[in-house]
Amino acid sequence: MLGDLDSLELKVKNYFKEKGVDFKKFPERKNETDTQLCIHLAKGLGVVDIDLLGALGGRIDHTIANINLMYYIKN
């Protein structure tokens, strides 16, 4: 898991830790969204396809940012 993990419940975090999932925590105050961090990581790993799930629901600021990120991925 990657991000500031500010909305991750402890029981969920513990569940994934027990499954051996690695966590990379970033500060809550940063210039990138968690989604943007994931896209940059994927690009660095040479990932060809990216699926964004739930990217257009919830907060309007995140929705707009994710639309811009989809344009970035496309190019």
N, C-alpha and C. Protein backbone atom coordinates (compact mmCIF):
# COMPACT_ATOMS: atom_id res chain seq x y z
N MET A 1 0.85 -1.17 0.00
CA MET A 1 0.00 0.00 0.00
C MET A 1 0.89 1.22 0.00
N LEU A 2 0.40 2.23 -0.68
CA LEU A 2 1.18 3.42 -0.88
C LEU A 2 0.31 4.64 -0.64
N GLY A 3 0.83 5.61 0.09
CA GLY A 3 0.10 6.85 0.32
C GLY A 3 0.32 7.36 1.73
N ASP A 4 -0.49 8.35 2.10
CA ASP A 4 -0.36 8.87 3.46
C ASP A 4 -1.12 8.01 4.46
N LEU A 5 -1.98 7.12 3.94
CA LEU A 5 -2.71 6.13 4.75
C LEU A 5 -3.57 6.79 5.83
N ASP A 6 -3.96 8.05 5.60
CA ASP A 6 -4.72 8.78 6.61
C ASP A 6 -6.14 8.26 6.81
N SER A 7 -6.68 7.57 5.83
CA SER A 7 -8.04 7.05 5.97
C SER A 7 -8.08 5.53 6.15
N LEU A 8 -6.93 4.93 6.36
CA LEU A 8 -6.84 3.48 6.52
C LEU A 8 -7.12 3.09 7.97
N GLU A 9 -8.15 2.28 8.16
CA GLU A 9 -8.48 1.81 9.50
C GLU A 9 -7.44 0.80 9.98
N LEU A 10 -7.17 0.79 11.27
CA LEU A 10 -6.17 -0.08 11.85
C LEU A 10 -6.45 -1.55 11.56
N LYS A 11 -7.71 -1.97 11.66
CA LYS A 11 -8.03 -3.38 11.42
C LYS A 11 -7.76 -3.77 9.97
N VAL A 12 -7.97 -2.84 9.04
CA VAL A 12 -7.68 -3.10 7.62
C VAL A 12 -6.17 -3.18 7.42
N LYS A 13 -5.44 -2.24 8.03
CA LYS A 13 -3.98 -2.24 7.93
C LYS A 13 -3.41 -3.54 8.49
N ASN A 14 -3.90 -3.97 9.63
CA ASN A 14 -3.41 -5.21 10.24
C ASN A 14 -3.71 -6.43 9.36
N TYR A 15 -4.90 -6.44 8.75
CA TYR A 15 -5.27 -7.54 7.86
C TYR A 15 -4.26 -7.68 6.72
N PHE A 16 -3.95 -6.56 6.07
CA PHE A 16 -3.03 -6.61 4.94
C PHE A 16 -1.59 -6.87 5.39
N LYS A 17 -1.21 -6.39 6.55
CA LYS A 17 0.13 -6.69 7.07
C LYS A 17 0.28 -8.19 7.30
N GLU A 18 -0.76 -8.83 7.83
CA GLU A 18 -0.74 -10.28 8.04
C GLU A 18 -0.62 -11.04 6.73
N LYS A 19 -1.09 -10.44 5.63
CA LYS A 19 -1.02 -11.05 4.30
C LYS A 19 0.33 -10.78 3.63
N GLY A 20 1.20 -10.01 4.30
CA GLY A 20 2.52 -9.74 3.75
C GLY A 20 2.60 -8.55 2.81
N VAL A 21 1.58 -7.70 2.83
CA VAL A 21 1.58 -6.51 1.97
C VAL A 21 2.56 -5.48 2.52
N ASP A 22 3.38 -4.93 1.63
CA ASP A 22 4.32 -3.88 2.02
C ASP A 22 3.60 -2.54 2.07
N PHE A 23 4.01 -1.69 2.99
CA PHE A 23 3.44 -0.36 3.14
C PHE A 23 4.52 0.67 2.91
N LYS A 24 4.21 1.69 2.12
CA LYS A 24 5.11 2.81 1.93
C LYS A 24 4.32 4.06 2.29
N LYS A 25 4.60 4.61 3.45
CA LYS A 25 3.84 5.75 3.98
C LYS A 25 4.52 7.06 3.62
N PHE A 26 3.70 8.00 3.16
CA PHE A 26 4.14 9.35 2.84
C PHE A 26 3.50 10.32 3.82
N PRO A 27 4.09 11.49 4.00
CA PRO A 27 3.48 12.50 4.89
C PRO A 27 2.11 12.93 4.36
N GLU A 28 1.23 13.31 5.26
CA GLU A 28 -0.09 13.80 4.84
C GLU A 28 0.04 15.10 4.05
N ARG A 29 0.99 15.92 4.42
CA ARG A 29 1.22 17.18 3.69
C ARG A 29 2.26 16.88 2.60
N LYS A 30 1.77 16.81 1.37
CA LYS A 30 2.64 16.54 0.23
C LYS A 30 2.05 17.20 -1.00
N ASN A 31 2.81 17.27 -2.06
CA ASN A 31 2.34 17.92 -3.28
C ASN A 31 1.56 16.98 -4.20
N GLU A 32 1.65 15.67 -3.98
CA GLU A 32 0.98 14.70 -4.83
C GLU A 32 -0.18 14.06 -4.08
N THR A 33 -1.19 13.63 -4.85
CA THR A 33 -2.24 12.82 -4.25
C THR A 33 -1.72 11.40 -4.14
N ASP A 34 -2.41 10.58 -3.36
CA ASP A 34 -2.01 9.17 -3.25
C ASP A 34 -2.09 8.47 -4.61
N THR A 35 -3.11 8.81 -5.39
CA THR A 35 -3.25 8.22 -6.71
C THR A 35 -2.07 8.60 -7.61
N GLN A 36 -1.67 9.84 -7.52
CA GLN A 36 -0.53 10.31 -8.32
C GLN A 36 0.75 9.56 -7.91
N LEU A 37 0.95 9.35 -6.63
CA LEU A 37 2.11 8.59 -6.17
C LEU A 37 2.11 7.18 -6.75
N CYS A 38 0.93 6.56 -6.78
CA CYS A 38 0.81 5.20 -7.31
C CYS A 38 1.11 5.17 -8.81
N ILE A 39 0.65 6.17 -9.53
CA ILE A 39 0.90 6.22 -10.97
C ILE A 39 2.39 6.40 -11.25
N HIS A 40 3.05 7.25 -10.50
CA HIS A 40 4.49 7.44 -10.68
C HIS A 40 5.25 6.16 -10.35
N LEU A 41 4.84 5.46 -9.31
CA LEU A 41 5.48 4.19 -8.97
C LEU A 41 5.27 3.18 -10.10
N ALA A 42 4.05 3.07 -10.60
CA ALA A 42 3.74 2.14 -11.69
C ALA A 42 4.59 2.45 -12.92
N LYS A 43 4.69 3.73 -13.25
CA LYS A 43 5.50 4.14 -14.40
C LYS A 43 6.96 3.73 -14.21
N GLY A 44 7.47 3.94 -13.01
CA GLY A 44 8.85 3.56 -12.70
C GLY A 44 9.09 2.06 -12.77
N LEU A 45 8.04 1.28 -12.52
CA LEU A 45 8.14 -0.18 -12.59
C LEU A 45 7.90 -0.72 -13.99
N GLY A 46 7.57 0.18 -14.93
CA GLY A 46 7.34 -0.24 -16.30
C GLY A 46 5.96 -0.82 -16.57
N VAL A 47 5.01 -0.50 -15.71
CA VAL A 47 3.64 -1.00 -15.88
C VAL A 47 3.06 -0.43 -17.16
N VAL A 48 2.36 -1.28 -17.93
CA VAL A 48 1.78 -0.86 -19.20
C VAL A 48 0.32 -0.44 -19.05
N ASP A 49 -0.46 -1.16 -18.25
CA ASP A 49 -1.87 -0.87 -18.06
C ASP A 49 -2.15 -0.48 -16.61
N ILE A 50 -2.98 0.53 -16.43
CA ILE A 50 -3.38 0.98 -15.10
C ILE A 50 -4.90 1.08 -15.06
N ASP A 51 -5.52 0.46 -14.08
CA ASP A 51 -6.95 0.57 -13.87
C ASP A 51 -7.19 1.40 -12.62
N LEU A 52 -8.03 2.42 -12.74
CA LEU A 52 -8.40 3.25 -11.60
C LEU A 52 -9.83 2.88 -11.20
N LEU A 53 -9.99 2.42 -9.98
CA LEU A 53 -11.31 2.03 -9.47
C LEU A 53 -11.78 3.06 -8.45
N GLY A 54 -12.99 3.53 -8.61
CA GLY A 54 -13.55 4.50 -7.67
C GLY A 54 -12.93 5.88 -7.79
N ALA A 55 -12.37 6.19 -8.94
CA ALA A 55 -11.64 7.45 -9.11
C ALA A 55 -12.54 8.66 -9.33
N LEU A 56 -13.82 8.44 -9.61
CA LEU A 56 -14.70 9.56 -9.93
C LEU A 56 -15.82 9.75 -8.92
N GLY A 57 -15.69 9.15 -7.76
CA GLY A 57 -16.73 9.31 -6.75
C GLY A 57 -16.16 9.95 -5.50
N GLY A 58 -17.03 10.56 -4.73
CA GLY A 58 -16.56 11.16 -3.47
C GLY A 58 -16.27 12.63 -3.60
N ARG A 59 -15.09 13.03 -3.21
CA ARG A 59 -14.72 14.45 -3.17
C ARG A 59 -14.48 15.01 -4.57
N ILE A 60 -15.05 16.18 -4.83
CA ILE A 60 -14.93 16.79 -6.15
C ILE A 60 -13.48 17.15 -6.48
N ASP A 61 -12.69 17.57 -5.49
CA ASP A 61 -11.29 17.91 -5.76
C ASP A 61 -10.50 16.68 -6.19
N HIS A 62 -10.79 15.53 -5.58
CA HIS A 62 -10.12 14.29 -5.98
C HIS A 62 -10.61 13.82 -7.34
N THR A 63 -11.90 14.00 -7.62
CA THR A 63 -12.45 13.62 -8.92
C THR A 63 -11.76 14.40 -10.04
N ILE A 64 -11.65 15.71 -9.87
CA ILE A 64 -10.99 16.54 -10.89
C ILE A 64 -9.53 16.16 -11.03
N ALA A 65 -8.85 15.95 -9.93
CA ALA A 65 -7.44 15.54 -9.98
C ALA A 65 -7.29 14.21 -10.71
N ASN A 66 -8.20 13.28 -10.45
CA ASN A 66 -8.11 11.96 -11.09
C ASN A 66 -8.43 12.02 -12.57
N ILE A 67 -9.32 12.90 -12.99
CA ILE A 67 -9.56 13.10 -14.42
C ILE A 67 -8.28 13.60 -15.09
N ASN A 68 -7.62 14.54 -14.45
CA ASN A 68 -6.33 15.03 -14.98
C ASN A 68 -5.29 13.92 -15.02
N LEU A 69 -5.27 13.06 -14.01
CA LEU A 69 -4.32 11.95 -13.99
C LEU A 69 -4.61 10.95 -15.11
N MET A 70 -5.89 10.74 -15.43
CA MET A 70 -6.22 9.84 -16.53
C MET A 70 -5.70 10.40 -17.85
N TYR A 71 -5.77 11.70 -18.01
CA TYR A 71 -5.21 12.34 -19.20
C TYR A 71 -3.69 12.14 -19.21
N TYR A 72 -3.04 12.29 -18.07
CA TYR A 72 -1.60 12.07 -17.95
C TYR A 72 -1.23 10.64 -18.32
N ILE A 73 -2.00 9.67 -17.83
CA ILE A 73 -1.74 8.27 -18.14
C ILE A 73 -1.88 8.02 -19.63
N LYS A 74 -2.92 8.58 -20.23
CA LYS A 74 -3.18 8.40 -21.66
C LYS A 74 -2.00 8.86 -22.49
N ASN A 75 -1.39 9.96 -22.10
CA ASN A 75 -0.26 10.51 -22.86
C ASN A 75 1.04 9.91 -22.39
